[in-house]
Amino acid sequence: MATKISLKQKSTGLTKDGFIGFSWTTFFFGMFPALFRGDFITFIGAFVIFVILALATFGVGAWIAMIIWAFMYNKYYTRKLIEKGYALNDTPELNAKAAQALGISLE
């Protein structure tokens, strides 16, 4: 189950939710959570890859890729937000847990 982590953009003050852990929404809906989070490039890339895998393997490859992607997407999305200047902005316990899961250090 994913854990929601609050992130805050340092320069603008905007806040977004990041996530760590298994993504059930990605597991059930494939690349569409990326679209709903405004992560358009990831949505397009995942869509193309899933379609190619589905065509090449009669659908089996896309299902396998979707399972693998469900384990990876939340961490990927949250790390991209941090690279864009967002910082962990939750309780100290959740910040420490997120930092460990993301492989980053708390400053």
C-alpha atoms as a PDB file:
ATOM      1  CA  MET A   1       0.000   0.000   0.000  1.00  0.00           C
ATOM      2  CA  ALA A   2       1.291   3.424  -0.913  1.00  0.00           C
ATOM      3  CA  THR A   3       2.040   6.092   1.645  1.00  0.00           C
ATOM      4  CA  LYS A   4       1.166   9.697   0.763  1.00  0.00           C
ATOM      5  CA  ILE A   5       3.899  12.253   1.429  1.00  0.00           C
ATOM      6  CA  SER A   6       3.387  16.007   1.284  1.00  0.00           C
ATOM      7  CA  LEU A   7       5.911  17.877  -0.851  1.00  0.00           C
ATOM      8  CA  LYS A   8       6.393  21.643  -1.107  1.00  0.00           C
ATOM      9  CA  GLN A   9       8.029  23.591  -3.931  1.00  0.00           C
ATOM     10  CA  LYS A  10      10.737  25.701  -2.300  1.00  0.00           C
ATOM     11  CA  SER A  11      10.548  28.748  -4.567  1.00  0.00           C
ATOM     12  CA  THR A  12       6.783  28.985  -5.254  1.00  0.00           C
ATOM     13  CA  GLY A  13       5.254  27.422  -2.149  1.00  0.00           C
ATOM     14  CA  LEU A  14       3.097  25.011  -4.195  1.00  0.00           C
ATOM     15  CA  THR A  15       2.338  21.699  -2.544  1.00  0.00           C
ATOM     16  CA  LYS A  16       1.842  18.301  -4.154  1.00  0.00           C
ATOM     17  CA  ASP A  17       1.394  14.790  -2.898  1.00  0.00           C
ATOM     18  CA  GLY A  18       4.170  12.309  -3.508  1.00  0.00           C
ATOM     19  CA  PHE A  19       3.865   8.600  -2.859  1.00  0.00           C
ATOM     20  CA  ILE A  20       6.084   5.731  -1.785  1.00  0.00           C
ATOM     21  CA  GLY A  21       5.288   2.044  -1.922  1.00  0.00           C
ATOM     22  CA  PHE A  22       3.262  -0.183  -4.229  1.00  0.00           C
ATOM     23  CA  SER A  23       0.836   1.671  -6.526  1.00  0.00           C
ATOM     24  CA  TRP A  24      -2.497  -0.127  -6.615  1.00  0.00           C
ATOM     25  CA  THR A  25      -3.919   2.446  -9.012  1.00  0.00           C
ATOM     26  CA  THR A  26      -1.095   1.764 -11.455  1.00  0.00           C
ATOM     27  CA  PHE A  27      -1.601  -1.967 -10.983  1.00  0.00           C
ATOM     28  CA  PHE A  28      -5.280  -1.739 -11.927  1.00  0.00           C
ATOM     29  CA  PHE A  29      -5.222   1.162 -14.399  1.00  0.00           C
ATOM     30  CA  GLY A  30      -1.766   0.923 -15.978  1.00  0.00           C
ATOM     31  CA  MET A  31      -0.349   4.218 -17.159  1.00  0.00           C
ATOM     32  CA  PHE A  32      -3.464   6.324 -16.456  1.00  0.00           C
ATOM     33  CA  PRO A  33      -2.445   7.469 -12.932  1.00  0.00           C
ATOM     34  CA  ALA A  34       0.481   9.253 -14.612  1.00  0.00           C
ATOM     35  CA  LEU A  35      -2.003  11.125 -16.805  1.00  0.00           C
ATOM     36  CA  PHE A  36      -4.178  12.086 -13.837  1.00  0.00           C
ATOM     37  CA  ARG A  37      -1.130  13.368 -11.909  1.00  0.00           C
ATOM     38  CA  GLY A  38      -0.114  15.572 -14.842  1.00  0.00           C
ATOM     39  CA  ASP A  39       2.918  13.425 -15.702  1.00  0.00           C
ATOM     40  CA  PHE A  40       2.225  13.508 -19.454  1.00  0.00           C
ATOM     41  CA  ILE A  41       5.616  12.387 -20.770  1.00  0.00           C
ATOM     42  CA  THR A  42       5.572   9.307 -18.537  1.00  0.00           C
ATOM     43  CA  PHE A  43       1.999   8.555 -19.624  1.00  0.00           C
ATOM     44  CA  ILE A  44       2.908   8.709 -23.320  1.00  0.00           C
ATOM     45  CA  GLY A  45       6.078   6.653 -22.838  1.00  0.00           C
ATOM     46  CA  ALA A  46       4.327   3.978 -20.786  1.00  0.00           C
ATOM     47  CA  PHE A  47       1.421   3.865 -23.243  1.00  0.00           C
ATOM     48  CA  VAL A  48       3.745   3.275 -26.198  1.00  0.00           C
ATOM     49  CA  ILE A  49       5.743   0.617 -24.347  1.00  0.00           C
ATOM     50  CA  PHE A  50       2.613  -1.204 -23.118  1.00  0.00           C
ATOM     51  CA  VAL A  51       1.094  -1.205 -26.636  1.00  0.00           C
ATOM     52  CA  ILE A  52       4.295  -2.549 -28.203  1.00  0.00           C
ATOM     53  CA  LEU A  53       4.577  -5.252 -25.540  1.00  0.00           C
ATOM     54  CA  ALA A  54       0.913  -6.160 -25.930  1.00  0.00           C
ATOM     55  CA  LEU A  55       1.211  -6.501 -29.697  1.00  0.00           C
ATOM     56  CA  ALA A  56       4.457  -8.473 -29.534  1.00  0.00           C
ATOM     57  CA  THR A  57       3.302 -10.914 -26.845  1.00  0.00           C
ATOM     58  CA  PHE A  58      -0.474 -11.152 -27.398  1.00  0.00           C
ATOM     59  CA  GLY A  59      -1.102  -9.070 -24.263  1.00  0.00           C
ATOM     60  CA  VAL A  60       0.958 -11.076 -21.787  1.00  0.00           C
ATOM     61  CA  GLY A  61       3.956  -8.739 -21.863  1.00  0.00           C
ATOM     62  CA  ALA A  62       1.823  -5.694 -21.102  1.00  0.00           C
ATOM     63  CA  TRP A  63       0.369  -7.371 -18.005  1.00  0.00           C
ATOM     64  CA  ILE A  64       3.829  -8.292 -16.750  1.00  0.00           C
ATOM     65  CA  ALA A  65       5.098  -4.767 -17.434  1.00  0.00           C
ATOM     66  CA  MET A  66       2.095  -3.303 -15.590  1.00  0.00           C
ATOM     67  CA  ILE A  67       2.881  -5.384 -12.494  1.00  0.00           C
ATOM     68  CA  ILE A  68       6.521  -4.302 -12.560  1.00  0.00           C
ATOM     69  CA  TRP A  69       5.536  -0.667 -13.177  1.00  0.00           C
ATOM     70  CA  ALA A  70       3.177  -0.750 -10.163  1.00  0.00           C
ATOM     71  CA  PHE A  71       6.189  -1.431  -7.924  1.00  0.00           C
ATOM     72  CA  MET A  72       8.246   1.359  -9.504  1.00  0.00           C
ATOM     73  CA  TYR A  73       5.935   4.249 -10.408  1.00  0.00           C
ATOM     74  CA  ASN A  74       5.325   5.949  -7.042  1.00  0.00           C
ATOM     75  CA  LYS A  75       9.039   6.164  -6.292  1.00  0.00           C
ATOM     76  CA  TYR A  76       9.749   7.381  -9.833  1.00  0.00           C
ATOM     77  CA  TYR A  77       7.061  10.083  -9.656  1.00  0.00           C
ATOM     78  CA  THR A  78       8.124  11.356  -6.227  1.00  0.00           C
ATOM     79  CA  ARG A  79      11.803  11.468  -7.185  1.00  0.00           C
ATOM     80  CA  LYS A  80      10.886  13.505 -10.297  1.00  0.00           C
ATOM     81  CA  LEU A  81       9.064  16.018  -8.089  1.00  0.00           C
ATOM     82  CA  ILE A  82      12.108  16.297  -5.824  1.00  0.00           C
ATOM     83  CA  GLU A  83      14.321  16.873  -8.879  1.00  0.00           C
ATOM     84  CA  LYS A  84      11.964  19.725  -9.877  1.00  0.00           C
ATOM     85  CA  GLY A  85      12.656  21.483  -6.568  1.00  0.00           C
ATOM     86  CA  TYR A  86      10.029  20.006  -4.264  1.00  0.00           C
ATOM     87  CA  ALA A  87      11.077  19.093  -0.737  1.00  0.00           C
ATOM     88  CA  LEU A  88       9.587  16.695   1.803  1.00  0.00           C
ATOM     89  CA  ASN A  89       7.073  18.640   3.883  1.00  0.00           C
ATOM     90  CA  ASP A  90       5.370  16.141   6.177  1.00  0.00           C
ATOM     91  CA  THR A  91       5.893  14.906   9.717  1.00  0.00           C
ATOM     92  CA  PRO A  92       9.502  14.122  10.693  1.00  0.00           C
ATOM     93  CA  GLU A  93       8.655  10.400  10.854  1.00  0.00           C
ATOM     94  CA  LEU A  94       7.104  10.332   7.356  1.00  0.00           C
ATOM     95  CA  ASN A  95       9.923  12.486   5.973  1.00  0.00           C
ATOM     96  CA  ALA A  96      12.499  10.030   7.334  1.00  0.00           C
ATOM     97  CA  LYS A  97      10.569   7.050   5.966  1.00  0.00           C
ATOM     98  CA  ALA A  98      10.229   8.704   2.552  1.00  0.00           C
ATOM     99  CA  ALA A  99      13.878   9.736   2.446  1.00  0.00           C
ATOM    100  CA  GLN A 100      14.942   6.179   3.173  1.00  0.00           C
ATOM    101  CA  ALA A 101      12.570   4.724   0.564  1.00  0.00           C
ATOM    102  CA  LEU A 102      13.669   7.258  -2.057  1.00  0.00           C
ATOM    103  CA  GLY A 103      17.369   6.957  -1.265  1.00  0.00           C
ATOM    104  CA  ILE A 104      17.816  10.648  -0.498  1.00  0.00           C
ATOM    105  CA  SER A 105      19.192  12.482   2.515  1.00  0.00           C
ATOM    106  CA  LEU A 106      17.276  14.923   4.657  1.00  0.00           C
ATOM    107  CA  GLU A 107      18.912  18.335   4.728  1.00  0.00           C
END
